């Protein structure tokens, strides 16, 4: 197989997060593109080929269902720490995207490998999602806000006690593109051992 390595390098370097406020809320991303994003996610590496990911896709009116669920759970669970702006954001943000994908880790019941390896596999799947939306010219955003770390959210997404909700991947048409951010010099991040 041969690939245009320059295109691949450019794709990786041009990956950006596109936040919900940067989406065109009136535009819908074609479901065929979303399906390809999800298929590419499933080609991520995973130890023992466990493929520990599960994706719950919210589109159309389903986004409202997600928005209502997370806002109400936040309201119930936050007690004295309740902030109206957070509640309003949880209600509004899913509606700005075309699709919102809950990123779930379904833990191997045999616990054959350390959990961090399954977490890493799902993260690799998300990187594949990011690269795919970039290739299609649509926006993507992985957020771990909202109800991500709340145990009470698991049932809504069909997760068991040992499973994890790892956040949400928003997909939408880009209205305002994100600028590139600088990276530290490569030599600051690597150490060569040659002998």
Foldseek 3Di string as FASTA:
>chain_A
DDDDVVVVVVLLQPQDAQALVQFALVDADDVVLVVVLQVLLQPFDAVVSPSQKDKDKAADCSLQVQLVVLLVVCVVPCVPNDDPVVSVCSNPRSSSFRMKIWIKGAQDPVPPDPPVRSVVSSVRSVVSSRSSCSVVQKHKHWDCDGCQQPPVCQVVVPHDPPMGGRTMMGIHHGNDDDDRDDDDPPVVPDDDDDD
